[in-house]
C-alpha atoms as a PDB file:
ATOM      1  CA  UNK A   1      85.218 -23.638  -4.169  1.00  0.00           C
ATOM      2  CA  UNK A   2      81.681 -22.127  -3.629  1.00  0.00           C
ATOM      3  CA  UNK A   3      83.223 -18.455  -3.981  1.00  0.00           C
ATOM      4  CA  UNK A   4      85.286 -19.880  -7.008  1.00  0.00           C
ATOM      5  CA  UNK A   5      82.143 -21.159  -8.859  1.00  0.00           C
ATOM      6  CA  UNK A   6      80.350 -17.680  -7.618  1.00  0.00           C
ATOM      7  CA  UNK A   7      82.890 -15.899  -9.489  1.00  0.00           C
ATOM      8  CA  UNK A   8      83.007 -17.907 -12.613  1.00  0.00           C
ATOM      9  CA  UNK A   9      79.013 -17.493 -12.871  1.00  0.00           C
ATOM     10  CA  UNK A  10      79.475 -13.627 -12.087  1.00  0.00           C
ATOM     11  CA  UNK A  11      82.118 -13.574 -15.051  1.00  0.00           C
ATOM     12  CA  UNK A  12      79.818 -15.418 -17.158  1.00  0.00           C
ATOM     13  CA  UNK A  13      76.672 -13.337 -16.594  1.00  0.00           C
ATOM     14  CA  UNK A  14      78.876 -10.374 -17.104  1.00  0.00           C
ATOM     15  CA  UNK A  15      80.138 -11.927 -20.520  1.00  0.00           C
ATOM     16  CA  UNK A  16      76.892 -12.603 -21.567  1.00  0.00           C
ATOM     17  CA  UNK A  17      75.466  -9.048 -20.951  1.00  0.00           C
ATOM     18  CA  UNK A  18      78.365  -7.596 -23.108  1.00  0.00           C
ATOM     19  CA  UNK A  19      76.802  -9.550 -26.168  1.00  0.00           C
ATOM     20  CA  UNK A  20      75.064  -7.159 -28.469  1.00  0.00           C
ATOM     21  CA  UNK A  21      73.231  -8.147 -31.416  1.00  0.00           C
ATOM     22  CA  UNK A  22      74.381  -5.869 -34.375  1.00  0.00           C
ATOM     23  CA  UNK A  23      71.780  -3.398 -35.637  1.00  0.00           C
ATOM     24  CA  UNK A  24      70.836  -4.826 -39.432  1.00  0.00           C
ATOM     25  CA  UNK A  25      70.916  -1.399 -41.295  1.00  0.00           C
ATOM     26  CA  UNK A  26      70.234  -0.515 -44.826  1.00  0.00           C
ATOM     27  CA  UNK A  27      71.520   2.464 -46.098  1.00  0.00           C
ATOM     28  CA  UNK A  28      69.618   3.635 -49.105  1.00  0.00           C
ATOM     29  CA  UNK A  29      71.833   6.049 -50.987  1.00  0.00           C
ATOM     30  CA  UNK A  30      73.200   6.735 -54.399  1.00  0.00           C
ATOM     31  CA  UNK A  31      75.744   9.326 -53.980  1.00  0.00           C
ATOM     32  CA  UNK A  32      79.240   7.883 -53.938  1.00  0.00           C
ATOM     33  CA  UNK A  33      80.725  10.393 -51.736  1.00  0.00           C
ATOM     34  CA  UNK A  34      78.203  10.763 -49.134  1.00  0.00           C
ATOM     35  CA  UNK A  35      77.587   7.161 -48.990  1.00  0.00           C
ATOM     36  CA  UNK A  36      81.319   6.402 -48.380  1.00  0.00           C
ATOM     37  CA  UNK A  37      81.250   9.150 -45.346  1.00  0.00           C
ATOM     38  CA  UNK A  38      78.351   7.554 -44.119  1.00  0.00           C
ATOM     39  CA  UNK A  39      79.824   3.718 -44.483  1.00  0.00           C
ATOM     40  CA  UNK A  40      83.198   4.988 -42.722  1.00  0.00           C
ATOM     41  CA  UNK A  41      81.044   6.514 -39.990  1.00  0.00           C
ATOM     42  CA  UNK A  42      78.939   3.415 -39.412  1.00  0.00           C
ATOM     43  CA  UNK A  43      82.077   1.285 -39.572  1.00  0.00           C
ATOM     44  CA  UNK A  44      83.696   2.830 -36.338  1.00  0.00           C
ATOM     45  CA  UNK A  45      84.261   0.455 -33.885  1.00  0.00           C
ATOM     46  CA  UNK A  46      82.050   2.078 -31.234  1.00  0.00           C
ATOM     47  CA  UNK A  47      79.030   1.046 -33.107  1.00  0.00           C
ATOM     48  CA  UNK A  48      77.678  -2.110 -33.853  1.00  0.00           C
ATOM     49  CA  UNK A  49      75.941  -1.911 -37.211  1.00  0.00           C
ATOM     50  CA  UNK A  50      75.882  -4.536 -40.114  1.00  0.00           C
ATOM     51  CA  UNK A  51      75.398  -2.067 -42.784  1.00  0.00           C
ATOM     52  CA  UNK A  52      73.849  -3.062 -46.341  1.00  0.00           C
ATOM     53  CA  UNK A  53      73.773  -0.847 -49.490  1.00  0.00           C
ATOM     54  CA  UNK A  54      70.740  -0.064 -51.627  1.00  0.00           C
ATOM     55  CA  UNK A  55      72.181   2.164 -54.433  1.00  0.00           C
ATOM     56  CA  UNK A  56      68.771   2.120 -56.596  1.00  0.00           C
ATOM     57  CA  UNK A  57      65.018   2.204 -55.852  1.00  0.00           C
ATOM     58  CA  UNK A  58      64.417  -1.321 -57.510  1.00  0.00           C
ATOM     59  CA  UNK A  59      66.902  -2.855 -54.812  1.00  0.00           C
ATOM     60  CA  UNK A  60      65.133  -1.004 -51.812  1.00  0.00           C
ATOM     61  CA  UNK A  61      61.757  -1.861 -53.002  1.00  0.00           C
ATOM     62  CA  UNK A  62      62.831  -5.510 -53.464  1.00  0.00           C
ATOM     63  CA  UNK A  63      64.367  -5.859 -50.075  1.00  0.00           C
ATOM     64  CA  UNK A  64      60.996  -4.292 -48.689  1.00  0.00           C
ATOM     65  CA  UNK A  65      58.823  -6.461 -50.398  1.00  0.00           C
ATOM     66  CA  UNK A  66      60.820  -9.477 -49.287  1.00  0.00           C
ATOM     67  CA  UNK A  67      61.186  -8.497 -45.811  1.00  0.00           C
ATOM     68  CA  UNK A  68      61.561 -11.229 -43.147  1.00  0.00           C
ATOM     69  CA  UNK A  69      62.396  -9.341 -40.121  1.00  0.00           C
ATOM     70  CA  UNK A  70      66.021  -9.207 -41.837  1.00  0.00           C
ATOM     71  CA  UNK A  71      66.094  -5.412 -41.572  1.00  0.00           C
ATOM     72  CA  UNK A  72      66.294  -3.375 -38.257  1.00  0.00           C
ATOM     73  CA  UNK A  73      66.239  -0.059 -39.669  1.00  0.00           C
ATOM     74  CA  UNK A  74      66.444   2.017 -43.206  1.00  0.00           C
ATOM     75  CA  UNK A  75      68.375   5.155 -43.471  1.00  0.00           C
ATOM     76  CA  UNK A  76      66.773   6.786 -46.536  1.00  0.00           C
ATOM     77  CA  UNK A  77      68.302   9.788 -48.532  1.00  0.00           C
ATOM     78  CA  UNK A  78      65.506  11.693 -49.516  1.00  0.00           C
ATOM     79  CA  UNK A  79      67.469  13.263 -52.342  1.00  0.00           C
ATOM     80  CA  UNK A  80      68.092   9.702 -53.576  1.00  0.00           C
ATOM     81  CA  UNK A  81      64.372   8.543 -53.621  1.00  0.00           C
ATOM     82  CA  UNK A  82      63.385  12.121 -55.005  1.00  0.00           C
ATOM     83  CA  UNK A  83      59.619  11.451 -55.717  1.00  0.00           C
ATOM     84  CA  UNK A  84      59.629   7.984 -54.504  1.00  0.00           C
ATOM     85  CA  UNK A  85      59.984   8.733 -50.825  1.00  0.00           C
ATOM     86  CA  UNK A  86      56.095   8.601 -50.200  1.00  0.00           C
ATOM     87  CA  UNK A  87      55.622   5.354 -52.098  1.00  0.00           C
ATOM     88  CA  UNK A  88      58.785   3.747 -49.943  1.00  0.00           C
ATOM     89  CA  UNK A  89      57.616   5.174 -46.779  1.00  0.00           C
ATOM     90  CA  UNK A  90      54.107   3.590 -47.347  1.00  0.00           C
ATOM     91  CA  UNK A  91      55.797   0.429 -47.995  1.00  0.00           C
ATOM     92  CA  UNK A  92      57.964   0.278 -45.012  1.00  0.00           C
ATOM     93  CA  UNK A  93      54.803   1.428 -42.764  1.00  0.00           C
ATOM     94  CA  UNK A  94      52.700  -1.602 -43.996  1.00  0.00           C
ATOM     95  CA  UNK A  95      55.856  -4.055 -42.994  1.00  0.00           C
ATOM     96  CA  UNK A  96      56.476  -1.889 -39.905  1.00  0.00           C
ATOM     97  CA  UNK A  97      60.241  -1.215 -40.732  1.00  0.00           C
ATOM     98  CA  UNK A  98      61.427   1.965 -39.114  1.00  0.00           C
ATOM     99  CA  UNK A  99      62.842   4.525 -41.394  1.00  0.00           C
ATOM    100  CA  UNK A 100      65.128   7.571 -40.668  1.00  0.00           C
ATOM    101  CA  UNK A 101      65.116  10.017 -43.662  1.00  0.00           C
ATOM    102  CA  UNK A 102      67.975  12.339 -44.141  1.00  0.00           C
ATOM    103  CA  UNK A 103      67.759  15.560 -46.341  1.00  0.00           C
ATOM    104  CA  UNK A 104      69.330  18.457 -47.267  1.00  0.00           C
ATOM    105  CA  UNK A 105      65.670  20.025 -47.208  1.00  0.00           C
ATOM    106  CA  UNK A 106      65.310  22.356 -44.255  1.00  0.00           C
ATOM    107  CA  UNK A 107      61.749  23.391 -44.638  1.00  0.00           C
ATOM    108  CA  UNK A 108      59.485  22.419 -41.748  1.00  0.00           C
ATOM    109  CA  UNK A 109      56.290  21.406 -43.453  1.00  0.00           C
ATOM    110  CA  UNK A 110      58.293  18.929 -45.506  1.00  0.00           C
ATOM    111  CA  UNK A 111      59.766  17.583 -42.586  1.00  0.00           C
ATOM    112  CA  UNK A 112      56.217  17.110 -41.078  1.00  0.00           C
ATOM    113  CA  UNK A 113      54.916  15.494 -44.022  1.00  0.00           C
ATOM    114  CA  UNK A 114      57.804  12.809 -44.193  1.00  0.00           C
ATOM    115  CA  UNK A 115      56.785  11.831 -40.347  1.00  0.00           C
ATOM    116  CA  UNK A 116      53.150  11.787 -41.180  1.00  0.00           C
ATOM    117  CA  UNK A 117      53.829   9.543 -44.089  1.00  0.00           C
ATOM    118  CA  UNK A 118      55.532   7.123 -41.815  1.00  0.00           C
ATOM    119  CA  UNK A 119      59.018   8.123 -41.454  1.00  0.00           C
ATOM    120  CA  UNK A 120      60.224   7.493 -37.620  1.00  0.00           C
ATOM    121  CA  UNK A 121      62.643  10.530 -37.715  1.00  0.00           C
ATOM    122  CA  UNK A 122      63.774  13.346 -40.120  1.00  0.00           C
ATOM    123  CA  UNK A 123      67.319  14.212 -39.846  1.00  0.00           C
ATOM    124  CA  UNK A 124      68.783  17.516 -41.667  1.00  0.00           C
ATOM    125  CA  UNK A 125      72.299  16.892 -43.540  1.00  0.00           C
ATOM    126  CA  UNK A 126      74.626  19.788 -43.133  1.00  0.00           C
ATOM    127  CA  UNK A 127      77.722  20.530 -45.430  1.00  0.00           C
ATOM    128  CA  UNK A 128      80.412  19.719 -42.360  1.00  0.00           C
ATOM    129  CA  UNK A 129      78.398  16.505 -41.556  1.00  0.00           C
ATOM    130  CA  UNK A 130      78.024  17.431 -38.147  1.00  0.00           C
ATOM    131  CA  UNK A 131      74.669  15.604 -38.142  1.00  0.00           C
ATOM    132  CA  UNK A 132      76.275  12.348 -38.121  1.00  0.00           C
ATOM    133  CA  UNK A 133      77.030  13.026 -34.411  1.00  0.00           C
ATOM    134  CA  UNK A 134      73.511  12.618 -33.435  1.00  0.00           C
ATOM    135  CA  UNK A 135      72.459   9.971 -35.928  1.00  0.00           C
ATOM    136  CA  UNK A 136      73.452   6.981 -33.760  1.00  0.00           C
ATOM    137  CA  UNK A 137      70.844   8.228 -31.075  1.00  0.00           C
ATOM    138  CA  UNK A 138      68.409   8.725 -33.815  1.00  0.00           C
ATOM    139  CA  UNK A 139      68.982   4.825 -34.974  1.00  0.00           C
ATOM    140  CA  UNK A 140      69.104   3.678 -31.519  1.00  0.00           C
ATOM    141  CA  UNK A 141      65.626   5.090 -30.868  1.00  0.00           C
ATOM    142  CA  UNK A 142      64.197   3.966 -33.915  1.00  0.00           C
ATOM    143  CA  UNK A 143      65.540   0.417 -33.298  1.00  0.00           C
ATOM    144  CA  UNK A 144      64.265   0.630 -29.571  1.00  0.00           C
ATOM    145  CA  UNK A 145      60.755   1.304 -31.107  1.00  0.00           C
ATOM    146  CA  UNK A 146      60.903  -0.981 -33.725  1.00  0.00           C
ATOM    147  CA  UNK A 147      61.426  -3.852 -31.218  1.00  0.00           C
ATOM    148  CA  UNK A 148      58.588  -2.329 -28.990  1.00  0.00           C
ATOM    149  CA  UNK A 149      56.352  -2.679 -31.882  1.00  0.00           C
ATOM    150  CA  UNK A 150      57.577  -6.353 -32.864  1.00  0.00           C
ATOM    151  CA  UNK A 151      56.860  -7.302 -29.105  1.00  0.00           C
ATOM    152  CA  UNK A 152      53.564  -5.819 -29.198  1.00  0.00           C
ATOM    153  CA  UNK A 153      52.797  -7.628 -32.479  1.00  0.00           C
ATOM    154  CA  UNK A 154      53.991 -11.040 -31.027  1.00  0.00           C
ATOM    155  CA  UNK A 155      51.990 -10.498 -28.040  1.00  0.00           C
ATOM    156  CA  UNK A 156      49.098 -10.050 -30.064  1.00  0.00           C
ATOM    157  CA  UNK A 157      49.272 -13.078 -31.937  1.00  0.00           C
ATOM    158  CA  UNK A 158      49.737 -14.958 -28.942  1.00  0.00           C
ATOM    159  CA  UNK A 159      46.820 -13.341 -27.508  1.00  0.00           C
ATOM    160  CA  UNK A 160      44.742 -14.466 -30.785  1.00  0.00           C
ATOM    161  CA  UNK A 161      45.830 -17.714 -30.384  1.00  0.00           C
ATOM    162  CA  UNK A 162      44.754 -18.165 -26.697  1.00  0.00           C
ATOM    163  CA  UNK A 163      41.467 -16.711 -27.674  1.00  0.00           C
ATOM    164  CA  UNK A 164      41.169 -19.176 -30.487  1.00  0.00           C
ATOM    165  CA  UNK A 165      42.050 -22.158 -27.980  1.00  0.00           C
ATOM    166  CA  UNK A 166      39.336 -20.712 -25.452  1.00  0.00           C
ATOM    167  CA  UNK A 167      36.672 -20.629 -28.221  1.00  0.00           C
ATOM    168  CA  UNK A 168      37.566 -24.190 -29.332  1.00  0.00           C
ATOM    169  CA  UNK A 169      37.682 -25.322 -25.707  1.00  0.00           C
ATOM    170  CA  UNK A 170      33.853 -23.631 -24.839  1.00  0.00           C
ATOM    171  CA  UNK A 171      32.734 -25.192 -28.208  1.00  0.00           C
ATOM    172  CA  UNK A 172      33.846 -28.646 -27.135  1.00  0.00           C
ATOM    173  CA  UNK A 173      32.765 -28.468 -23.475  1.00  0.00           C
ATOM    174  CA  UNK A 174      29.516 -27.175 -24.578  1.00  0.00           C
ATOM    175  CA  UNK A 175      29.094 -30.205 -26.948  1.00  0.00           C
ATOM    176  CA  UNK A 176      30.408 -32.852 -24.344  1.00  0.00           C
ATOM    177  CA  UNK A 177      27.754 -31.440 -21.784  1.00  0.00           C
ATOM    178  CA  UNK A 178      24.804 -32.001 -23.721  1.00  0.00           C
ATOM    179  CA  UNK A 179      24.902 -35.643 -24.037  1.00  0.00           C
ATOM    180  CA  UNK A 180      24.830 -36.375 -20.146  1.00  0.00           C
ATOM    181  CA  UNK A 181      21.889 -33.604 -19.834  1.00  0.00           C
ATOM    182  CA  UNK A 182      20.056 -35.313 -22.438  1.00  0.00           C
ATOM    183  CA  UNK A 183      20.450 -38.494 -20.572  1.00  0.00           C
ATOM    184  CA  UNK A 184      19.586 -37.295 -17.134  1.00  0.00           C
ATOM    185  CA  UNK A 185      16.307 -35.753 -18.821  1.00  0.00           C
ATOM    186  CA  UNK A 186      15.571 -39.032 -20.466  1.00  0.00           C
ATOM    187  CA  UNK A 187      16.243 -41.024 -17.102  1.00  0.00           C
ATOM    188  CA  UNK A 188      13.778 -38.625 -15.159  1.00  0.00           C
ATOM    189  CA  UNK A 189      11.033 -38.974 -17.783  1.00  0.00           C
ATOM    190  CA  UNK A 190      11.310 -42.746 -17.752  1.00  0.00           C
ATOM    191  CA  UNK A 191      11.226 -42.605 -13.938  1.00  0.00           C
ATOM    192  CA  UNK A 192       8.356 -40.672 -14.149  1.00  0.00           C
ATOM    193  CA  UNK A 193       6.340 -42.848 -16.593  1.00  0.00           C
ATOM    194  CA  UNK A 194       7.343 -46.148 -15.027  1.00  0.00           C
ATOM    195  CA  UNK A 195       6.608 -45.475 -11.443  1.00  0.00           C
ATOM    196  CA  UNK A 196       3.983 -42.562 -11.574  1.00  0.00           C
ATOM    197  CA  UNK A 197       1.493 -44.384  -9.453  1.00  0.00           C
ATOM    198  CA  UNK A 198       4.114 -45.366  -6.772  1.00  0.00           C
ATOM    199  CA  UNK A 199       5.639 -41.725  -6.667  1.00  0.00           C
ATOM    200  CA  UNK A 200       5.018 -39.607  -3.837  1.00  0.00           C
ATOM    201  CA  UNK A 201       3.911 -36.057  -4.321  1.00  0.00           C
ATOM    202  CA  UNK A 202       7.200 -34.775  -3.252  1.00  0.00           C
ATOM    203  CA  UNK A 203       8.914 -37.237  -5.892  1.00  0.00           C
ATOM    204  CA  UNK A 204       6.980 -35.758  -8.401  1.00  0.00           C
ATOM    205  CA  UNK A 205       7.756 -32.395  -7.557  1.00  0.00           C
ATOM    206  CA  UNK A 206      11.570 -33.124  -7.486  1.00  0.00           C
ATOM    207  CA  UNK A 207      11.283 -34.840 -10.937  1.00  0.00           C
ATOM    208  CA  UNK A 208       9.476 -31.626 -12.308  1.00  0.00           C
ATOM    209  CA  UNK A 209      12.386 -29.465 -10.729  1.00  0.00           C
ATOM    210  CA  UNK A 210      14.938 -31.702 -12.238  1.00  0.00           C
ATOM    211  CA  UNK A 211      13.417 -31.435 -15.725  1.00  0.00           C
ATOM    212  CA  UNK A 212      12.801 -27.761 -15.284  1.00  0.00           C
ATOM    213  CA  UNK A 213      16.619 -27.094 -14.209  1.00  0.00           C
ATOM    214  CA  UNK A 214      17.914 -29.780 -16.877  1.00  0.00           C
ATOM    215  CA  UNK A 215      16.091 -27.598 -19.747  1.00  0.00           C
ATOM    216  CA  UNK A 216      17.197 -24.306 -18.379  1.00  0.00           C
ATOM    217  CA  UNK A 217      20.949 -25.814 -18.083  1.00  0.00           C
ATOM    218  CA  UNK A 218      20.563 -26.859 -21.933  1.00  0.00           C
ATOM    219  CA  UNK A 219      19.556 -23.239 -22.636  1.00  0.00           C
ATOM    220  CA  UNK A 220      22.296 -21.959 -20.914  1.00  0.00           C
ATOM    221  CA  UNK A 221      24.764 -24.124 -22.772  1.00  0.00           C
ATOM    222  CA  UNK A 222      23.528 -23.444 -26.020  1.00  0.00           C
ATOM    223  CA  UNK A 223      23.953 -19.603 -24.864  1.00  0.00           C
ATOM    224  CA  UNK A 224      27.542 -20.334 -24.016  1.00  0.00           C
ATOM    225  CA  UNK A 225      28.047 -22.033 -27.425  1.00  0.00           C
ATOM    226  CA  UNK A 226      26.790 -19.212 -29.161  1.00  0.00           C
ATOM    227  CA  UNK A 227      28.976 -16.753 -27.230  1.00  0.00           C
ATOM    228  CA  UNK A 228      32.047 -18.672 -27.973  1.00  0.00           C
ATOM    229  CA  UNK A 229      31.128 -18.590 -31.837  1.00  0.00           C
ATOM    230  CA  UNK A 230      30.384 -14.791 -31.488  1.00  0.00           C
ATOM    231  CA  UNK A 231      33.719 -14.218 -30.041  1.00  0.00           C
ATOM    232  CA  UNK A 232      34.495 -11.506 -27.667  1.00  0.00           C
ATOM    233  CA  UNK A 233      31.717  -9.010 -28.936  1.00  0.00           C
ATOM    234  CA  UNK A 234      28.656  -8.747 -26.465  1.00  0.00           C
ATOM    235  CA  UNK A 235      25.322  -9.122 -28.020  1.00  0.00           C
ATOM    236  CA  UNK A 236      23.152  -6.961 -25.587  1.00  0.00           C
ATOM    237  CA  UNK A 237      19.392  -7.485 -25.239  1.00  0.00           C
ATOM    238  CA  UNK A 238      16.612  -5.946 -23.193  1.00  0.00           C
ATOM    239  CA  UNK A 239      15.429  -8.207 -20.386  1.00  0.00           C
ATOM    240  CA  UNK A 240      13.931  -8.428 -16.739  1.00  0.00           C
ATOM    241  CA  UNK A 241      16.767  -8.870 -14.438  1.00  0.00           C
ATOM    242  CA  UNK A 242      14.802 -10.611 -11.816  1.00  0.00           C
ATOM    243  CA  UNK A 243      13.794 -13.311 -14.411  1.00  0.00           C
ATOM    244  CA  UNK A 244      17.258 -13.988 -14.994  1.00  0.00           C
ATOM    245  CA  UNK A 245      18.277 -13.698 -11.474  1.00  0.00           C
ATOM    246  CA  UNK A 246      15.663 -16.434 -10.689  1.00  0.00           C
ATOM    247  CA  UNK A 247      16.967 -18.445 -13.564  1.00  0.00           C
ATOM    248  CA  UNK A 248      20.587 -18.199 -12.079  1.00  0.00           C
ATOM    249  CA  UNK A 249      19.334 -19.245  -8.576  1.00  0.00           C
ATOM    250  CA  UNK A 250      17.517 -22.169 -10.051  1.00  0.00           C
ATOM    251  CA  UNK A 251      20.904 -23.438 -11.437  1.00  0.00           C
ATOM    252  CA  UNK A 252      22.635 -23.537  -7.802  1.00  0.00           C
ATOM    253  CA  UNK A 253      22.274 -25.898  -5.046  1.00  0.00           C
ATOM    254  CA  UNK A 254      21.311 -23.834  -2.078  1.00  0.00           C
ATOM    255  CA  UNK A 255      21.765 -25.404   1.743  1.00  0.00           C
ATOM    256  CA  UNK A 256      18.695 -25.313   3.921  1.00  0.00           C
ATOM    257  CA  UNK A 257      20.308 -22.987   6.390  1.00  0.00           C
ATOM    258  CA  UNK A 258      21.047 -20.368   3.568  1.00  0.00           C
ATOM    259  CA  UNK A 259      18.135 -18.280   2.476  1.00  0.00           C
ATOM    260  CA  UNK A 260      18.149 -15.837  -0.513  1.00  0.00           C
ATOM    261  CA  UNK A 261      16.139 -12.871  -0.738  1.00  0.00           C
ATOM    262  CA  UNK A 262      16.072 -10.843  -3.733  1.00  0.00           C
ATOM    263  CA  UNK A 263      14.747  -7.390  -3.610  1.00  0.00           C
ATOM    264  CA  UNK A 264      11.418  -6.393  -5.243  1.00  0.00           C
ATOM    265  CA  UNK A 265      11.102  -3.968  -8.542  1.00  0.00           C
ATOM    266  CA  UNK A 266      14.517  -5.019 -10.024  1.00  0.00           C
ATOM    267  CA  UNK A 267      15.033  -3.302 -13.302  1.00  0.00           C
ATOM    268  CA  UNK A 268      14.597  -4.091 -17.049  1.00  0.00           C
ATOM    269  CA  UNK A 269      18.335  -3.752 -18.260  1.00  0.00           C
ATOM    270  CA  UNK A 270      20.044  -3.934 -21.570  1.00  0.00           C
ATOM    271  CA  UNK A 271      22.942  -6.328 -21.514  1.00  0.00           C
ATOM    272  CA  UNK A 272      24.336  -9.770 -22.295  1.00  0.00           C
ATOM    273  CA  UNK A 273      21.649 -12.112 -20.764  1.00  0.00           C
ATOM    274  CA  UNK A 274      24.338 -15.005 -20.373  1.00  0.00           C
ATOM    275  CA  UNK A 275      27.032 -12.811 -18.661  1.00  0.00           C
ATOM    276  CA  UNK A 276      24.419 -11.321 -16.150  1.00  0.00           C
ATOM    277  CA  UNK A 277      23.546 -14.535 -15.589  1.00  0.00           C
ATOM    278  CA  UNK A 278      27.225 -15.797 -14.873  1.00  0.00           C
ATOM    279  CA  UNK A 279      28.188 -13.038 -12.767  1.00  0.00           C
ATOM    280  CA  UNK A 280      24.999 -13.473 -10.564  1.00  0.00           C
ATOM    281  CA  UNK A 281      25.541 -17.502 -10.184  1.00  0.00           C
ATOM    282  CA  UNK A 282      29.204 -16.522  -9.473  1.00  0.00           C
ATOM    283  CA  UNK A 283      28.437 -14.066  -6.704  1.00  0.00           C
ATOM    284  CA  UNK A 284      25.807 -16.033  -5.024  1.00  0.00           C
ATOM    285  CA  UNK A 285      27.856 -19.226  -5.115  1.00  0.00           C
ATOM    286  CA  UNK A 286      30.678 -17.656  -3.592  1.00  0.00           C
ATOM    287  CA  UNK A 287      28.855 -15.767  -0.882  1.00  0.00           C
ATOM    288  CA  UNK A 288      27.397 -19.241   0.192  1.00  0.00           C
ATOM    289  CA  UNK A 289      30.776 -20.882  -0.181  1.00  0.00           C
ATOM    290  CA  UNK A 290      32.488 -18.458   2.146  1.00  0.00           C
ATOM    291  CA  UNK A 291      29.510 -17.727   4.517  1.00  0.00           C
ATOM    292  CA  UNK A 292      31.634 -19.520   7.287  1.00  0.00           C
ATOM    293  CA  UNK A 293      28.467 -20.720   9.099  1.00  0.00           C
ATOM    294  CA  UNK A 294      25.809 -23.193   8.322  1.00  0.00           C
ATOM    295  CA  UNK A 295      22.825 -20.618   8.511  1.00  0.00           C
ATOM    296  CA  UNK A 296      22.891 -17.224   6.771  1.00  0.00           C
ATOM    297  CA  UNK A 297      21.353 -15.000   4.374  1.00  0.00           C
ATOM    298  CA  UNK A 298      22.204 -13.500   0.711  1.00  0.00           C
ATOM    299  CA  UNK A 299      20.642 -10.258  -0.335  1.00  0.00           C
ATOM    300  CA  UNK A 300      20.545  -9.727  -4.238  1.00  0.00           C
ATOM    301  CA  UNK A 301      19.427  -5.862  -4.743  1.00  0.00           C
ATOM    302  CA  UNK A 302      20.202  -2.933  -7.165  1.00  0.00           C
ATOM    303  CA  UNK A 303      20.084   0.822  -7.305  1.00  0.00           C
ATOM    304  CA  UNK A 304      20.115   3.326 -10.309  1.00  0.00           C
ATOM    305  CA  UNK A 305      23.406   5.300 -10.868  1.00  0.00           C
ATOM    306  CA  UNK A 306      23.264   9.086 -10.830  1.00  0.00           C
ATOM    307  CA  UNK A 307      23.462   8.941 -14.878  1.00  0.00           C
ATOM    308  CA  UNK A 308      19.971   7.594 -14.700  1.00  0.00           C
ATOM    309  CA  UNK A 309      20.463   4.712 -17.230  1.00  0.00           C
ATOM    310  CA  UNK A 310      22.839   2.450 -15.458  1.00  0.00           C
ATOM    311  CA  UNK A 311      22.222   0.207 -12.614  1.00  0.00           C
ATOM    312  CA  UNK A 312      24.251  -1.537  -9.830  1.00  0.00           C
ATOM    313  CA  UNK A 313      23.773  -4.939  -8.621  1.00  0.00           C
ATOM    314  CA  UNK A 314      24.774  -6.015  -5.078  1.00  0.00           C
ATOM    315  CA  UNK A 315      25.035  -9.211  -3.647  1.00  0.00           C
ATOM    316  CA  UNK A 316      25.572  -8.951   0.053  1.00  0.00           C
ATOM    317  CA  UNK A 317      25.783 -11.866   2.651  1.00  0.00           C
ATOM    318  CA  UNK A 318      25.732 -12.133   6.427  1.00  0.00           C
ATOM    319  CA  UNK A 319      28.707 -14.349   6.767  1.00  0.00           C
ATOM    320  CA  UNK A 320      31.756 -13.765   8.900  1.00  0.00           C
END
């Protein structure tokens, strides 16, 4: 039974593979004789075209204007379109509809002009219709390129939606974090005011540290919020890297056995302050987390690159 089921599944897969969607082709041609010849060719059983006819400029323009992915490709007779080829190609280019132009014009400059105007291919007609033998390959390539472009646009739309969701998420999180942060600041202030006389010097220092970190965290959240509003563009500013590194370290809970050494004479740099702080925080946090032992050292340093105006920052640890 298992072999039979396997055979049935294989047969179904093979059948599904053979299912090919028809290529929706619009033939823009007004010459009866040539159009009949093309139609007879496209209707051969070895091809899989759903062919529609446009016999005048108004009809082809209407199809393009009302386009809703209901056309895979247009085969356009340049003699039929005459001086309207460029406007039609401009319209199809805006809608991302692939067009193959067929013409009796053998001038290479004219063919190059047609391609530059938006046609995906240019085919020269001959009296014996030998060009028809190559036309299916031109159509296949054009449709493949069209589908690739549509997939690219779909992915772009998905990416834009993801970016929008991320912006909204950052905006929501930033707002949600502000309330508890304000509560923390208020609570430590009340403790400081109510119990000032009984607080030890160490407790007072800890309260000051909490207030300082809360204030910096508030600024950090504001920066995240502003960054989410600005999108993916990086707003660069000039700042002392050692000051931002110090702010980043103040945000972290560093265990007693771990010492952080920051090299002297760190450079002044021009970059996004919030992104630089995030990178330093993440690197130091990971160094501490994966140290692999209770005691160790994390060293933060920098060096100038050979071009003289860029710097490399390095976070090293003495972990396992």
